[in-house]
């Protein structure tokens, strides 16, 4: 059995939103390189996941992305 690679399943037009203190940022460069057409945003003053710490900003960014 081969290890699962999430990048192989990602499609174009993916939004990755990170808080500036988010531990998931460790994979940010790999995601940016591995998902063509993706958009990466880092939100200031968010010590963790943006949807938890800055939900209004996350909603705004999500709507802007979906309207593209």
N, C-alpha and C. Protein backbone atom coordinates (compact mmCIF):
# COMPACT_ATOMS: atom_id res chain seq x y z
N UNK A 1 0.84 -1.17 0.00
CA UNK A 1 0.00 0.00 0.00
C UNK A 1 0.89 1.24 0.00
N UNK A 2 0.61 2.15 -0.93
CA UNK A 2 1.40 3.38 -1.01
C UNK A 2 0.86 4.40 -0.02
N UNK A 3 1.73 5.27 0.51
CA UNK A 3 1.25 6.31 1.40
C UNK A 3 0.36 7.29 0.66
N UNK A 4 -0.62 7.80 1.34
CA UNK A 4 -1.56 8.76 0.76
C UNK A 4 -0.87 10.11 0.59
N UNK A 5 -1.04 10.72 -0.55
CA UNK A 5 -0.50 12.05 -0.81
C UNK A 5 -1.66 12.98 -1.13
N UNK A 6 -2.01 13.84 -0.20
CA UNK A 6 -3.14 14.74 -0.37
C UNK A 6 -2.96 15.65 -1.59
N UNK A 7 -1.73 15.99 -1.93
CA UNK A 7 -1.48 16.88 -3.06
C UNK A 7 -1.95 16.25 -4.37
N UNK A 8 -1.91 14.92 -4.47
CA UNK A 8 -2.35 14.25 -5.69
C UNK A 8 -3.85 14.38 -5.89
N UNK A 9 -4.59 14.57 -4.81
CA UNK A 9 -6.05 14.65 -4.89
C UNK A 9 -6.56 16.08 -4.97
N UNK A 10 -5.71 17.04 -4.76
CA UNK A 10 -6.14 18.44 -4.79
C UNK A 10 -6.39 18.88 -6.23
N UNK A 11 -7.35 19.74 -6.36
CA UNK A 11 -7.69 20.26 -7.69
C UNK A 11 -7.33 21.73 -7.75
N UNK A 12 -7.36 22.26 -8.96
CA UNK A 12 -7.11 23.69 -9.12
C UNK A 12 -8.16 24.49 -8.35
N UNK A 13 -7.84 25.73 -8.14
CA UNK A 13 -8.75 26.66 -7.46
C UNK A 13 -8.99 26.24 -6.02
N UNK A 14 -7.91 26.08 -5.31
CA UNK A 14 -7.95 25.74 -3.88
C UNK A 14 -7.48 26.95 -3.09
N UNK A 15 -8.19 27.26 -2.02
CA UNK A 15 -7.79 28.35 -1.14
C UNK A 15 -7.24 27.75 0.16
N UNK A 16 -6.06 28.15 0.53
CA UNK A 16 -5.47 27.75 1.80
C UNK A 16 -5.30 29.01 2.64
N UNK A 17 -5.97 29.04 3.77
CA UNK A 17 -5.96 30.23 4.63
C UNK A 17 -5.35 29.82 5.97
N UNK A 18 -4.26 30.48 6.31
CA UNK A 18 -3.53 30.17 7.54
C UNK A 18 -3.52 31.38 8.46
N UNK A 19 -3.55 31.11 9.77
CA UNK A 19 -3.28 32.17 10.74
C UNK A 19 -1.77 32.33 10.85
N UNK A 20 -1.32 33.52 11.21
CA UNK A 20 0.12 33.75 11.28
C UNK A 20 0.79 32.88 12.34
N UNK A 21 0.03 32.36 13.30
CA UNK A 21 0.59 31.46 14.30
C UNK A 21 0.12 30.03 14.16
N UNK A 22 -0.47 29.70 13.04
CA UNK A 22 -1.04 28.39 12.78
C UNK A 22 0.05 27.34 12.62
N UNK A 23 -0.04 26.24 13.36
CA UNK A 23 0.97 25.17 13.25
C UNK A 23 0.91 24.49 11.89
N UNK A 24 -0.21 24.59 11.19
CA UNK A 24 -0.33 23.96 9.87
C UNK A 24 0.51 24.65 8.80
N UNK A 25 1.05 25.81 9.14
CA UNK A 25 1.89 26.52 8.16
C UNK A 25 3.15 25.73 7.83
N UNK A 26 3.46 24.72 8.60
CA UNK A 26 4.66 23.93 8.31
C UNK A 26 4.56 23.27 6.92
N UNK A 27 3.36 23.05 6.43
CA UNK A 27 3.18 22.45 5.11
C UNK A 27 2.79 23.45 4.04
N UNK A 28 2.87 24.72 4.38
CA UNK A 28 2.42 25.78 3.47
C UNK A 28 3.17 25.78 2.14
N UNK A 29 4.48 25.70 2.18
CA UNK A 29 5.27 25.74 0.94
C UNK A 29 4.98 24.52 0.07
N UNK A 30 4.84 23.36 0.69
CA UNK A 30 4.55 22.14 -0.07
C UNK A 30 3.18 22.25 -0.74
N UNK A 31 2.21 22.77 -0.02
CA UNK A 31 0.87 22.94 -0.59
C UNK A 31 0.89 23.92 -1.75
N UNK A 32 1.60 25.02 -1.56
CA UNK A 32 1.66 26.05 -2.62
C UNK A 32 2.31 25.49 -3.87
N UNK A 33 3.36 24.70 -3.70
CA UNK A 33 4.06 24.13 -4.85
C UNK A 33 3.29 22.97 -5.47
N UNK A 34 2.52 22.26 -4.67
CA UNK A 34 1.87 21.04 -5.15
C UNK A 34 0.47 21.21 -5.70
N UNK A 35 -0.15 22.35 -5.47
CA UNK A 35 -1.52 22.56 -5.95
C UNK A 35 -1.52 23.72 -6.92
N UNK A 36 -1.59 23.41 -8.21
CA UNK A 36 -1.55 24.47 -9.20
C UNK A 36 -2.81 25.32 -9.11
N UNK A 37 -2.66 26.60 -9.27
CA UNK A 37 -3.78 27.51 -9.23
C UNK A 37 -4.30 27.80 -7.83
N UNK A 38 -3.57 27.37 -6.83
CA UNK A 38 -4.04 27.60 -5.47
C UNK A 38 -3.72 29.01 -5.00
N UNK A 39 -4.47 29.44 -4.01
CA UNK A 39 -4.27 30.75 -3.41
C UNK A 39 -3.96 30.52 -1.94
N UNK A 40 -2.88 31.13 -1.48
CA UNK A 40 -2.47 31.00 -0.08
C UNK A 40 -2.50 32.36 0.58
N UNK A 41 -3.18 32.41 1.72
CA UNK A 41 -3.30 33.66 2.45
C UNK A 41 -2.93 33.42 3.90
N UNK A 42 -2.13 34.32 4.46
CA UNK A 42 -1.79 34.28 5.88
C UNK A 42 -2.43 35.49 6.54
N UNK A 43 -3.23 35.22 7.56
CA UNK A 43 -3.97 36.27 8.25
C UNK A 43 -3.24 36.65 9.54
N UNK A 44 -2.93 37.93 9.66
CA UNK A 44 -2.27 38.44 10.86
C UNK A 44 -3.19 38.35 12.08
N UNK A 45 -2.57 38.31 13.24
CA UNK A 45 -3.30 38.29 14.52
C UNK A 45 -4.23 37.10 14.66
N UNK A 46 -3.82 35.97 14.11
CA UNK A 46 -4.56 34.73 14.25
C UNK A 46 -3.58 33.66 14.73
N UNK A 47 -3.57 33.36 16.03
CA UNK A 47 -2.59 32.44 16.57
C UNK A 47 -2.80 30.98 16.17
N UNK A 48 -3.90 30.71 15.51
CA UNK A 48 -4.21 29.35 15.07
C UNK A 48 -5.12 29.42 13.86
N UNK A 49 -5.95 28.39 13.67
CA UNK A 49 -6.83 28.36 12.50
C UNK A 49 -7.69 29.62 12.39
N UNK A 50 -7.70 30.20 11.23
CA UNK A 50 -8.39 31.46 11.01
C UNK A 50 -9.89 31.33 11.26
N UNK A 51 -10.46 30.20 10.89
CA UNK A 51 -11.91 30.04 11.09
C UNK A 51 -12.29 30.04 12.56
N UNK A 52 -11.33 29.76 13.45
CA UNK A 52 -11.60 29.79 14.89
C UNK A 52 -11.29 31.15 15.52
N UNK A 53 -10.16 31.75 15.12
CA UNK A 53 -9.69 32.96 15.76
C UNK A 53 -10.15 34.25 15.08
N UNK A 54 -10.40 34.19 13.78
CA UNK A 54 -10.84 35.37 13.03
C UNK A 54 -11.95 34.96 12.06
N UNK A 55 -13.08 34.48 12.60
CA UNK A 55 -14.13 33.94 11.72
C UNK A 55 -14.67 34.94 10.70
N UNK A 56 -14.77 36.21 11.07
CA UNK A 56 -15.26 37.21 10.11
C UNK A 56 -14.30 37.36 8.94
N UNK A 57 -13.01 37.36 9.22
CA UNK A 57 -12.00 37.46 8.15
C UNK A 57 -12.01 36.21 7.28
N UNK A 58 -12.17 35.05 7.92
CA UNK A 58 -12.23 33.79 7.16
C UNK A 58 -13.44 33.81 6.23
N UNK A 59 -14.59 34.25 6.73
CA UNK A 59 -15.79 34.32 5.90
C UNK A 59 -15.59 35.27 4.73
N UNK A 60 -14.99 36.43 4.99
CA UNK A 60 -14.74 37.42 3.94
C UNK A 60 -13.84 36.84 2.85
N UNK A 61 -12.74 36.20 3.27
CA UNK A 61 -11.80 35.61 2.31
C UNK A 61 -12.46 34.47 1.52
N UNK A 62 -13.27 33.68 2.20
CA UNK A 62 -13.96 32.56 1.53
C UNK A 62 -14.92 33.06 0.48
N UNK A 63 -15.68 34.08 0.80
CA UNK A 63 -16.64 34.64 -0.17
C UNK A 63 -15.91 35.24 -1.35
N UNK A 64 -14.83 35.98 -1.09
CA UNK A 64 -14.05 36.55 -2.19
C UNK A 64 -13.50 35.45 -3.10
N UNK A 65 -13.04 34.37 -2.51
CA UNK A 65 -12.50 33.26 -3.30
C UNK A 65 -13.59 32.61 -4.14
N UNK A 66 -14.74 32.36 -3.53
CA UNK A 66 -15.83 31.70 -4.25
C UNK A 66 -16.43 32.55 -5.37
N UNK A 67 -16.31 33.85 -5.24
CA UNK A 67 -16.85 34.75 -6.28
C UNK A 67 -15.90 34.94 -7.44
N UNK A 68 -14.70 34.39 -7.36
CA UNK A 68 -13.75 34.51 -8.47
C UNK A 68 -14.21 33.77 -9.68
